[in-house]
Full PDB file with SEQRES, HELIX, SHEET, SSBOND, CRYST1, ORIGX, SCALE, CONECT and MASTER records, all heavy atoms in Angstrom:
SEQRES   1 A   33  ALA ASP ILE ILE ILE SER ASN LEU ARG ARG TYR GLY TYR          
SEQRES   2 A   33  LYS TRP ASP PHE THR ALA GLY SER ALA GLU ASP GLN LEU          
SEQRES   3 A   33  ARG SER GLN LEU GLU ARG MET                                  
HELIX    1 AA1 ASP A    2  ILE A    5  1                                   4    
HELIX    2 AA2 ARG A    9  TYR A   11  5                                   3    
HELIX    3 AA3 ALA A   22  ARG A   32  1                                  11    
CRYST1    1.000    1.000    1.000  90.00  90.00  90.00 P 1           1          
ORIGX1      1.000000  0.000000  0.000000        0.00000                         
ORIGX2      0.000000  1.000000  0.000000        0.00000                         
ORIGX3      0.000000  0.000000  1.000000        0.00000                         
SCALE1      1.000000  0.000000  0.000000        0.00000                         
SCALE2      0.000000  1.000000  0.000000        0.00000                         
SCALE3      0.000000  0.000000  1.000000        0.00000                         
ATOM      1  N   ALA A   1     -10.477  -4.758   5.228  1.00  0.00           N  
ATOM      2  CA  ALA A   1      -9.260  -4.662   4.347  1.00  0.00           C  
ATOM      3  C   ALA A   1      -8.177  -5.596   4.806  1.00  0.00           C  
ATOM      4  O   ALA A   1      -7.037  -5.504   4.381  1.00  0.00           O  
ATOM      5  CB  ALA A   1      -8.689  -3.250   4.494  1.00  0.00           C  
ATOM      6  N   ASP A   2      -8.383  -6.533   5.693  1.00  0.00           N  
ATOM      7  CA  ASP A   2      -7.405  -7.405   6.248  1.00  0.00           C  
ATOM      8  C   ASP A   2      -6.749  -8.255   5.097  1.00  0.00           C  
ATOM      9  O   ASP A   2      -5.525  -8.557   5.127  1.00  0.00           O  
ATOM     10  CB  ASP A   2      -8.004  -8.358   7.309  1.00  0.00           C  
ATOM     11  CG  ASP A   2      -8.239  -7.645   8.616  1.00  0.00           C  
ATOM     12  OD1 ASP A   2      -7.849  -6.485   8.719  1.00  0.00           O  
ATOM     13  OD2 ASP A   2      -8.876  -8.309   9.507  1.00  0.00           O  
ATOM     14  N   ILE A   3      -7.532  -8.635   4.141  1.00  0.00           N  
ATOM     15  CA  ILE A   3      -7.067  -9.582   3.129  1.00  0.00           C  
ATOM     16  C   ILE A   3      -5.974  -8.812   2.308  1.00  0.00           C  
ATOM     17  O   ILE A   3      -5.014  -9.438   1.720  1.00  0.00           O  
ATOM     18  CB  ILE A   3      -8.103 -10.050   2.189  1.00  0.00           C  
ATOM     19  CG1 ILE A   3      -7.670 -11.133   1.182  1.00  0.00           C  
ATOM     20  CG2 ILE A   3      -8.758  -8.837   1.412  1.00  0.00           C  
ATOM     21  CD1 ILE A   3      -8.704 -11.692   0.381  1.00  0.00           C  
ATOM     22  N   ILE A   4      -6.117  -7.485   2.201  1.00  0.00           N  
ATOM     23  CA  ILE A   4      -5.077  -6.684   1.448  1.00  0.00           C  
ATOM     24  C   ILE A   4      -3.919  -6.366   2.330  1.00  0.00           C  
ATOM     25  O   ILE A   4      -2.736  -6.497   1.982  1.00  0.00           O  
ATOM     26  CB  ILE A   4      -5.655  -5.433   0.826  1.00  0.00           C  
ATOM     27  CG1 ILE A   4      -6.788  -5.777  -0.127  1.00  0.00           C  
ATOM     28  CG2 ILE A   4      -4.627  -4.566   0.273  1.00  0.00           C  
ATOM     29  CD1 ILE A   4      -7.444  -4.572  -0.713  1.00  0.00           C  
ATOM     30  N   ILE A   5      -4.258  -5.909   3.569  1.00  0.00           N  
ATOM     31  CA  ILE A   5      -3.227  -5.496   4.514  1.00  0.00           C  
ATOM     32  C   ILE A   5      -2.255  -6.617   4.895  1.00  0.00           C  
ATOM     33  O   ILE A   5      -1.004  -6.451   5.140  1.00  0.00           O  
ATOM     34  CB  ILE A   5      -3.856  -4.900   5.798  1.00  0.00           C  
ATOM     35  CG1 ILE A   5      -4.564  -3.614   5.441  1.00  0.00           C  
ATOM     36  CG2 ILE A   5      -2.805  -4.550   6.857  1.00  0.00           C  
ATOM     37  CD1 ILE A   5      -5.370  -3.007   6.562  1.00  0.00           C  
ATOM     38  N   SER A   6      -2.762  -7.828   4.983  1.00  0.00           N  
ATOM     39  CA  SER A   6      -1.996  -8.986   5.334  1.00  0.00           C  
ATOM     40  C   SER A   6      -0.952  -9.452   4.350  1.00  0.00           C  
ATOM     41  O   SER A   6      -0.013 -10.140   4.613  1.00  0.00           O  
ATOM     42  CB  SER A   6      -2.915 -10.199   5.722  1.00  0.00           C  
ATOM     43  OG  SER A   6      -3.582 -10.583   4.579  1.00  0.00           O  
ATOM     44  N   ASN A   7      -1.177  -8.987   3.042  1.00  0.00           N  
ATOM     45  CA  ASN A   7      -0.246  -9.347   1.943  1.00  0.00           C  
ATOM     46  C   ASN A   7      -0.171  -8.209   0.976  1.00  0.00           C  
ATOM     47  O   ASN A   7      -0.707  -8.351  -0.135  1.00  0.00           O  
ATOM     48  CB  ASN A   7      -0.641 -10.649   1.385  1.00  0.00           C  
ATOM     49  CG  ASN A   7       0.427 -11.242   0.523  1.00  0.00           C  
ATOM     50  OD1 ASN A   7       1.426 -10.620   0.246  1.00  0.00           O  
ATOM     51  ND2 ASN A   7       0.159 -12.452  -0.012  1.00  0.00           N  
ATOM     52  N   LEU A   8       0.389  -7.073   1.346  1.00  0.00           N  
ATOM     53  CA  LEU A   8       0.394  -5.958   0.501  1.00  0.00           C  
ATOM     54  C   LEU A   8       1.142  -6.285  -0.829  1.00  0.00           C  
ATOM     55  O   LEU A   8       0.771  -5.751  -1.899  1.00  0.00           O  
ATOM     56  CB  LEU A   8       1.030  -4.747   1.150  1.00  0.00           C  
ATOM     57  CG  LEU A   8       0.267  -4.137   2.350  1.00  0.00           C  
ATOM     58  CD1 LEU A   8       1.129  -3.096   3.082  1.00  0.00           C  
ATOM     59  CD2 LEU A   8      -1.059  -3.538   1.846  1.00  0.00           C  
ATOM     60  N   ARG A   9       2.218  -7.017  -0.745  1.00  0.00           N  
ATOM     61  CA  ARG A   9       3.038  -7.316  -1.955  1.00  0.00           C  
ATOM     62  C   ARG A   9       2.223  -7.963  -3.059  1.00  0.00           C  
ATOM     63  O   ARG A   9       2.299  -7.663  -4.198  1.00  0.00           O  
ATOM     64  CB  ARG A   9       4.218  -8.190  -1.662  1.00  0.00           C  
ATOM     65  CG  ARG A   9       5.208  -8.410  -2.824  1.00  0.00           C  
ATOM     66  CD  ARG A   9       6.445  -9.144  -2.379  1.00  0.00           C  
ATOM     67  NE  ARG A   9       7.269  -8.319  -1.551  1.00  0.00           N  
ATOM     68  CZ  ARG A   9       8.096  -7.486  -2.022  1.00  0.00           C  
ATOM     69  NH1 ARG A   9       8.225  -7.307  -3.381  1.00  0.00           N  
ATOM     70  NH2 ARG A   9       8.811  -6.751  -1.246  1.00  0.00           N  
ATOM     71  N   ARG A  10       1.358  -8.902  -2.654  1.00  0.00           N  
ATOM     72  CA  ARG A  10       0.492  -9.581  -3.578  1.00  0.00           C  
ATOM     73  C   ARG A  10      -0.419  -8.591  -4.381  1.00  0.00           C  
ATOM     74  O   ARG A  10      -0.807  -8.869  -5.550  1.00  0.00           O  
ATOM     75  CB  ARG A  10      -0.391 -10.599  -2.839  1.00  0.00           C  
ATOM     76  CG  ARG A  10      -1.378 -11.404  -3.724  1.00  0.00           C  
ATOM     77  CD  ARG A  10      -2.244 -12.319  -2.937  1.00  0.00           C  
ATOM     78  NE  ARG A  10      -3.217 -12.952  -3.732  1.00  0.00           N  
ATOM     79  CZ  ARG A  10      -4.258 -13.798  -3.305  1.00  0.00           C  
ATOM     80  NH1 ARG A  10      -4.271 -14.009  -2.019  1.00  0.00           N  
ATOM     81  NH2 ARG A  10      -5.033 -14.305  -4.122  1.00  0.00           N  
ATOM     82  N   TYR A  11      -0.796  -7.521  -3.788  1.00  0.00           N  
ATOM     83  CA  TYR A  11      -1.659  -6.540  -4.398  1.00  0.00           C  
ATOM     84  C   TYR A  11      -0.900  -5.384  -5.003  1.00  0.00           C  
ATOM     85  O   TYR A  11      -1.566  -4.384  -5.353  1.00  0.00           O  
ATOM     86  CB  TYR A  11      -2.780  -6.077  -3.394  1.00  0.00           C  
ATOM     87  CG  TYR A  11      -3.737  -7.203  -3.044  1.00  0.00           C  
ATOM     88  CD1 TYR A  11      -3.470  -7.924  -1.974  1.00  0.00           C  
ATOM     89  CD2 TYR A  11      -4.862  -7.428  -3.767  1.00  0.00           C  
ATOM     90  CE1 TYR A  11      -4.301  -9.006  -1.481  1.00  0.00           C  
ATOM     91  CE2 TYR A  11      -5.678  -8.508  -3.439  1.00  0.00           C  
ATOM     92  CZ  TYR A  11      -5.453  -9.289  -2.273  1.00  0.00           C  
ATOM     93  OH  TYR A  11      -6.260 -10.243  -1.933  1.00  0.00           O  
ATOM     94  N   GLY A  12       0.340  -5.620  -5.222  1.00  0.00           N  
ATOM     95  CA  GLY A  12       1.113  -4.561  -5.957  1.00  0.00           C  
ATOM     96  C   GLY A  12       1.791  -3.481  -5.103  1.00  0.00           C  
ATOM     97  O   GLY A  12       2.363  -2.610  -5.647  1.00  0.00           O  
ATOM     98  N   TYR A  13       1.655  -3.615  -3.842  1.00  0.00           N  
ATOM     99  CA  TYR A  13       2.248  -2.586  -2.964  1.00  0.00           C  
ATOM    100  C   TYR A  13       3.623  -2.980  -2.484  1.00  0.00           C  
ATOM    101  O   TYR A  13       3.774  -4.148  -2.016  1.00  0.00           O  
ATOM    102  CB  TYR A  13       1.374  -2.257  -1.743  1.00  0.00           C  
ATOM    103  CG  TYR A  13       0.013  -1.707  -2.099  1.00  0.00           C  
ATOM    104  CD1 TYR A  13      -1.050  -2.524  -2.211  1.00  0.00           C  
ATOM    105  CD2 TYR A  13      -0.175  -0.410  -2.202  1.00  0.00           C  
ATOM    106  CE1 TYR A  13      -2.358  -2.004  -2.519  1.00  0.00           C  
ATOM    107  CE2 TYR A  13      -1.404   0.204  -2.573  1.00  0.00           C  
ATOM    108  CZ  TYR A  13      -2.454  -0.692  -2.697  1.00  0.00           C  
ATOM    109  OH  TYR A  13      -3.661  -0.177  -3.036  1.00  0.00           O  
ATOM    110  N   LYS A  14       4.560  -2.229  -2.705  1.00  0.00           N  
ATOM    111  CA  LYS A  14       5.993  -2.550  -2.243  1.00  0.00           C  
ATOM    112  C   LYS A  14       6.702  -1.256  -1.907  1.00  0.00           C  
ATOM    113  O   LYS A  14       6.300  -0.173  -2.182  1.00  0.00           O  
ATOM    114  CB  LYS A  14       6.702  -3.191  -3.328  1.00  0.00           C  
ATOM    115  CG  LYS A  14       6.822  -2.486  -4.701  1.00  0.00           C  
ATOM    116  CD  LYS A  14       7.538  -3.308  -5.695  1.00  0.00           C  
ATOM    117  CE  LYS A  14       7.674  -2.532  -7.042  1.00  0.00           C  
ATOM    118  NZ  LYS A  14       8.328  -3.306  -8.141  1.00  0.00           N  
ATOM    119  N   TRP A  15       7.743  -1.406  -1.144  1.00  0.00           N  
ATOM    120  CA  TRP A  15       8.459  -0.254  -0.682  1.00  0.00           C  
ATOM    121  C   TRP A  15       9.119   0.545  -1.783  1.00  0.00           C  
ATOM    122  O   TRP A  15       9.698  -0.163  -2.721  1.00  0.00           O  
ATOM    123  CB  TRP A  15       9.571  -0.692   0.284  1.00  0.00           C  
ATOM    124  CG  TRP A  15      10.272   0.489   0.896  1.00  0.00           C  
ATOM    125  CD1 TRP A  15       9.929   1.341   1.905  1.00  0.00           C  
ATOM    126  CD2 TRP A  15      11.529   0.998   0.473  1.00  0.00           C  
ATOM    127  NE1 TRP A  15      10.823   2.311   2.130  1.00  0.00           N  
ATOM    128  CE2 TRP A  15      11.863   2.203   1.180  1.00  0.00           C  
ATOM    129  CE3 TRP A  15      12.474   0.640  -0.531  1.00  0.00           C  
ATOM    130  CZ2 TRP A  15      13.041   2.907   0.966  1.00  0.00           C  
ATOM    131  CZ3 TRP A  15      13.585   1.430  -0.732  1.00  0.00           C  
ATOM    132  CH2 TRP A  15      13.880   2.530   0.038  1.00  0.00           C  
ATOM    133  N   ASP A  16       8.950   1.830  -1.811  1.00  0.00           N  
ATOM    134  CA  ASP A  16       9.618   2.678  -2.801  1.00  0.00           C  
ATOM    135  C   ASP A  16       9.957   3.896  -2.134  1.00  0.00           C  
ATOM    136  O   ASP A  16       9.200   4.654  -1.577  1.00  0.00           O  
ATOM    137  CB  ASP A  16       8.548   2.969  -3.796  1.00  0.00           C  
ATOM    138  CG  ASP A  16       9.087   3.860  -4.946  1.00  0.00           C  
ATOM    139  OD1 ASP A  16      10.217   4.390  -4.825  1.00  0.00           O  
ATOM    140  OD2 ASP A  16       8.441   4.041  -5.999  1.00  0.00           O  
ATOM    141  N   PHE A  17      11.312   4.159  -2.119  1.00  0.00           N  
ATOM    142  CA  PHE A  17      11.788   5.383  -1.318  1.00  0.00           C  
ATOM    143  C   PHE A  17      11.320   6.707  -1.868  1.00  0.00           C  
ATOM    144  O   PHE A  17      11.324   7.704  -1.115  1.00  0.00           O  
ATOM    145  CB  PHE A  17      13.385   5.318  -1.454  1.00  0.00           C  
ATOM    146  CG  PHE A  17      13.914   5.822  -2.746  1.00  0.00           C  
ATOM    147  CD1 PHE A  17      14.274   7.148  -2.872  1.00  0.00           C  
ATOM    148  CD2 PHE A  17      14.130   4.817  -3.714  1.00  0.00           C  
ATOM    149  CE1 PHE A  17      14.716   7.537  -4.156  1.00  0.00           C  
ATOM    150  CE2 PHE A  17      14.668   5.261  -4.903  1.00  0.00           C  
ATOM    151  CZ  PHE A  17      14.977   6.615  -5.159  1.00  0.00           C  
ATOM    152  N   THR A  18      10.771   6.700  -3.121  1.00  0.00           N  
ATOM    153  CA  THR A  18      10.168   7.972  -3.626  1.00  0.00           C  
ATOM    154  C   THR A  18       8.687   8.059  -3.203  1.00  0.00           C  
ATOM    155  O   THR A  18       8.142   9.203  -3.264  1.00  0.00           O  
ATOM    156  CB  THR A  18      10.273   7.998  -5.129  1.00  0.00           C  
ATOM    157  OG1 THR A  18       9.554   6.903  -5.682  1.00  0.00           O  
ATOM    158  CG2 THR A  18      11.765   7.943  -5.603  1.00  0.00           C  
ATOM    159  N   ALA A  19       8.069   7.030  -2.858  1.00  0.00           N  
ATOM    160  CA  ALA A  19       6.660   6.993  -2.576  1.00  0.00           C  
ATOM    161  C   ALA A  19       6.309   6.607  -1.145  1.00  0.00           C  
ATOM    162  O   ALA A  19       5.165   6.649  -0.766  1.00  0.00           O  
ATOM    163  CB  ALA A  19       5.797   6.133  -3.551  1.00  0.00           C  
ATOM    164  N   GLY A  20       7.318   6.280  -0.365  1.00  0.00           N  
ATOM    165  CA  GLY A  20       7.148   5.855   1.005  1.00  0.00           C  
ATOM    166  C   GLY A  20       6.965   4.348   1.127  1.00  0.00           C  
ATOM    167  O   GLY A  20       7.015   3.592   0.148  1.00  0.00           O  
ATOM    168  N   SER A  21       6.548   3.868   2.264  1.00  0.00           N  
ATOM    169  CA  SER A  21       6.351   2.447   2.522  1.00  0.00           C  
ATOM    170  C   SER A  21       5.128   1.979   1.762  1.00  0.00           C  
ATOM    171  O   SER A  21       4.277   2.739   1.318  1.00  0.00           O  
ATOM    172  CB  SER A  21       6.226   2.180   4.018  1.00  0.00           C  
ATOM    173  OG  SER A  21       4.984   2.797   4.499  1.00  0.00           O  
ATOM    174  N   ALA A  22       4.957   0.595   1.760  1.00  0.00           N  
ATOM    175  CA  ALA A  22       3.791   0.012   1.136  1.00  0.00           C  
ATOM    176  C   ALA A  22       2.508   0.458   1.842  1.00  0.00           C  
ATOM    177  O   ALA A  22       1.494   0.666   1.303  1.00  0.00           O  
ATOM    178  CB  ALA A  22       3.904  -1.534   1.242  1.00  0.00           C  
ATOM    179  N   GLU A  23       2.616   0.545   3.211  1.00  0.00           N  
ATOM    180  CA  GLU A  23       1.495   1.008   3.954  1.00  0.00           C  
ATOM    181  C   GLU A  23       1.062   2.474   3.617  1.00  0.00           C  
ATOM    182  O   GLU A  23      -0.149   2.758   3.468  1.00  0.00           O  
ATOM    183  CB  GLU A  23       1.724   0.947   5.512  1.00  0.00           C  
ATOM    184  CG  GLU A  23       1.849  -0.498   6.001  1.00  0.00           C  
ATOM    185  CD  GLU A  23       3.224  -1.033   5.836  1.00  0.00           C  
ATOM    186  OE1 GLU A  23       4.073  -0.373   5.117  1.00  0.00           O  
ATOM    187  OE2 GLU A  23       3.549  -2.155   6.214  1.00  0.00           O  
ATOM    188  N   ASP A  24       2.024   3.265   3.419  1.00  0.00           N  
ATOM    189  CA  ASP A  24       1.801   4.671   3.063  1.00  0.00           C  
ATOM    190  C   ASP A  24       1.091   4.745   1.686  1.00  0.00           C  
ATOM    191  O   ASP A  24       0.213   5.547   1.410  1.00  0.00           O  
ATOM    192  CB  ASP A  24       3.083   5.442   3.042  1.00  0.00           C  
ATOM    193  CG  ASP A  24       3.606   5.714   4.453  1.00  0.00           C  
ATOM    194  OD1 ASP A  24       2.821   5.739   5.374  1.00  0.00           O  
ATOM    195  OD2 ASP A  24       4.839   5.982   4.565  1.00  0.00           O  
ATOM    196  N   GLN A  25       1.575   3.858   0.767  1.00  0.00           N  
ATOM    197  CA  GLN A  25       1.007   3.805  -0.508  1.00  0.00           C  
ATOM    198  C   GLN A  25      -0.472   3.448  -0.515  1.00  0.00           C  
ATOM    199  O   GLN A  25      -1.271   4.014  -1.263  1.00  0.00           O  
ATOM    200  CB  GLN A  25       1.825   2.902  -1.479  1.00  0.00           C  
ATOM    201  CG  GLN A  25       3.183   3.377  -1.748  1.00  0.00           C  
ATOM    202  CD  GLN A  25       3.967   2.313  -2.622  1.00  0.00           C  
ATOM    203  OE1 GLN A  25       3.385   1.860  -3.618  1.00  0.00           O  
ATOM    204  NE2 GLN A  25       5.159   1.971  -2.212  1.00  0.00           N  
ATOM    205  N   LEU A  26      -0.745   2.417   0.328  1.00  0.00           N  
ATOM    206  CA  LEU A  26      -2.205   2.014   0.428  1.00  0.00           C  
ATOM    207  C   LEU A  26      -3.005   3.105   1.017  1.00  0.00           C  
ATOM    208  O   LEU A  26      -4.144   3.426   0.481  1.00  0.00           O  
ATOM    209  CB  LEU A  26      -2.206   0.808   1.394  1.00  0.00           C  
ATOM    210  CG  LEU A  26      -3.666   0.316   1.696  1.00  0.00           C  
ATOM    211  CD1 LEU A  26      -4.354  -0.091   0.470  1.00  0.00           C  
ATOM    212  CD2 LEU A  26      -3.603  -0.877   2.716  1.00  0.00           C  
ATOM    213  N   ARG A  27      -2.599   3.815   2.045  1.00  0.00           N  
ATOM    214  CA  ARG A  27      -3.358   4.917   2.620  1.00  0.00           C  
ATOM    215  C   ARG A  27      -3.556   6.025   1.620  1.00  0.00           C  
ATOM    216  O   ARG A  27      -4.617   6.687   1.557  1.00  0.00           O  
ATOM    217  CB  ARG A  27      -2.636   5.398   3.961  1.00  0.00           C  
ATOM    218  CG  ARG A  27      -2.900   4.545   5.142  1.00  0.00           C  
ATOM    219  CD  ARG A  27      -2.489   5.208   6.379  1.00  0.00           C  
ATOM    220  NE  ARG A  27      -1.096   5.433   6.415  1.00  0.00           N  
ATOM    221  CZ  ARG A  27      -0.202   4.525   6.971  1.00  0.00           C  
ATOM    222  NH1 ARG A  27      -0.668   3.477   7.565  1.00  0.00           N  
ATOM    223  NH2 ARG A  27       1.045   4.760   7.052  1.00  0.00           N  
ATOM    224  N   SER A  28      -2.481   6.317   0.800  1.00  0.00           N  
ATOM    225  CA  SER A  28      -2.552   7.423  -0.163  1.00  0.00           C  
ATOM    226  C   SER A  28      -3.672   7.063  -1.208  1.00  0.00           C  
ATOM    227  O   SER A  28      -4.313   7.934  -1.655  1.00  0.00           O  
ATOM    228  CB  SER A  28      -1.249   7.632  -0.843  1.00  0.00           C  
ATOM    229  OG  SER A  28      -0.207   8.061   0.042  1.00  0.00           O  
ATOM    230  N   GLN A  29      -3.662   5.782  -1.568  1.00  0.00           N  
ATOM    231  CA  GLN A  29      -4.691   5.353  -2.545  1.00  0.00           C  
ATOM    232  C   GLN A  29      -6.100   5.470  -1.971  1.00  0.00           C  
ATOM    233  O   GLN A  29      -7.075   5.825  -2.738  1.00  0.00           O  
ATOM    234  CB  GLN A  29      -4.430   3.973  -3.096  1.00  0.00           C  
ATOM    235  CG  GLN A  29      -5.364   3.463  -4.166  1.00  0.00           C  
ATOM    236  CD  GLN A  29      -4.814   2.194  -4.858  1.00  0.00           C  
ATOM    237  OE1 GLN A  29      -3.658   2.009  -4.949  1.00  0.00           O  
ATOM    238  NE2 GLN A  29      -5.721   1.437  -5.325  1.00  0.00           N  
ATOM    239  N   LEU A  30      -6.262   5.143  -0.744  1.00  0.00           N  
ATOM    240  CA  LEU A  30      -7.466   5.282  -0.108  1.00  0.00           C  
ATOM    241  C   LEU A  30      -7.955   6.678  -0.013  1.00  0.00           C  
ATOM    242  O   LEU A  30      -9.104   7.048  -0.168  1.00  0.00           O  
ATOM    243  CB  LEU A  30      -7.485   4.727   1.325  1.00  0.00           C  
ATOM    244  CG  LEU A  30      -7.431   3.204   1.454  1.00  0.00           C  
ATOM    245  CD1 LEU A  30      -7.220   2.696   2.946  1.00  0.00           C  
ATOM    246  CD2 LEU A  30      -8.755   2.597   0.960  1.00  0.00           C  
ATOM    247  N   GLU A  31      -6.995   7.597   0.249  1.00  0.00           N  
ATOM    248  CA  GLU A  31      -7.324   9.035   0.316  1.00  0.00           C  
ATOM    249  C   GLU A  31      -7.798   9.608  -1.053  1.00  0.00           C  
ATOM    250  O   GLU A  31      -8.778  10.301  -1.136  1.00  0.00           O  
ATOM    251  CB  GLU A  31      -6.109   9.804   0.749  1.00  0.00           C  
ATOM    252  CG  GLU A  31      -5.695   9.611   2.216  1.00  0.00           C  
ATOM    253  CD  GLU A  31      -4.364  10.210   2.577  1.00  0.00           C  
ATOM    254  OE1 GLU A  31      -3.756  10.934   1.753  1.00  0.00           O  
ATOM    255  OE2 GLU A  31      -3.828   9.904   3.631  1.00  0.00           O  
ATOM    256  N   ARG A  32      -7.092   9.145  -2.106  1.00  0.00           N  
ATOM    257  CA  ARG A  32      -7.542   9.547  -3.458  1.00  0.00           C  
ATOM    258  C   ARG A  32      -8.911   9.006  -3.748  1.00  0.00           C  
ATOM    259  O   ARG A  32      -9.711   9.681  -4.341  1.00  0.00           O  
ATOM    260  CB  ARG A  32      -6.441   9.009  -4.452  1.00  0.00           C  
ATOM    261  CG  ARG A  32      -5.207   9.753  -4.468  1.00  0.00           C  
ATOM    262  CD  ARG A  32      -4.450   9.417  -5.671  1.00  0.00           C  
ATOM    263  NE  ARG A  32      -4.059   8.040  -5.732  1.00  0.00           N  
ATOM    264  CZ  ARG A  32      -2.879   7.575  -5.215  1.00  0.00           C  
ATOM    265  NH1 ARG A  32      -2.115   8.316  -4.662  1.00  0.00           N  
ATOM    266  NH2 ARG A  32      -2.644   6.255  -5.405  1.00  0.00           N  
ATOM    267  N   MET A  33      -9.227   7.761  -3.334  1.00  0.00           N  
ATOM    268  CA  MET A  33     -10.488   7.115  -3.628  1.00  0.00           C  
ATOM    269  C   MET A  33     -11.595   7.876  -2.813  1.00  0.00           C  
ATOM    270  O   MET A  33     -12.628   8.188  -3.381  1.00  0.00           O  
ATOM    271  CB  MET A  33     -10.504   5.640  -3.181  1.00  0.00           C  
ATOM    272  CG  MET A  33     -11.826   4.930  -3.385  1.00  0.00           C  
ATOM    273  SD  MET A  33     -11.679   3.189  -2.841  1.00  0.00           S  
ATOM    274  CE  MET A  33     -11.530   3.484  -1.116  1.00  0.00           C  
TER     275      MET A  33                                                      
MASTER        0    0    0    3    0    0    0    6  274    1    0    3          
END                                                                             
């Protein structure tokens, strides 16, 4: 997952105070998957 983790913004992840940090959003999506 390095290619995504190294540039989260490129893959649509960005900080959102309602959804948490970009890292939190990525982990949440992995949990749903």
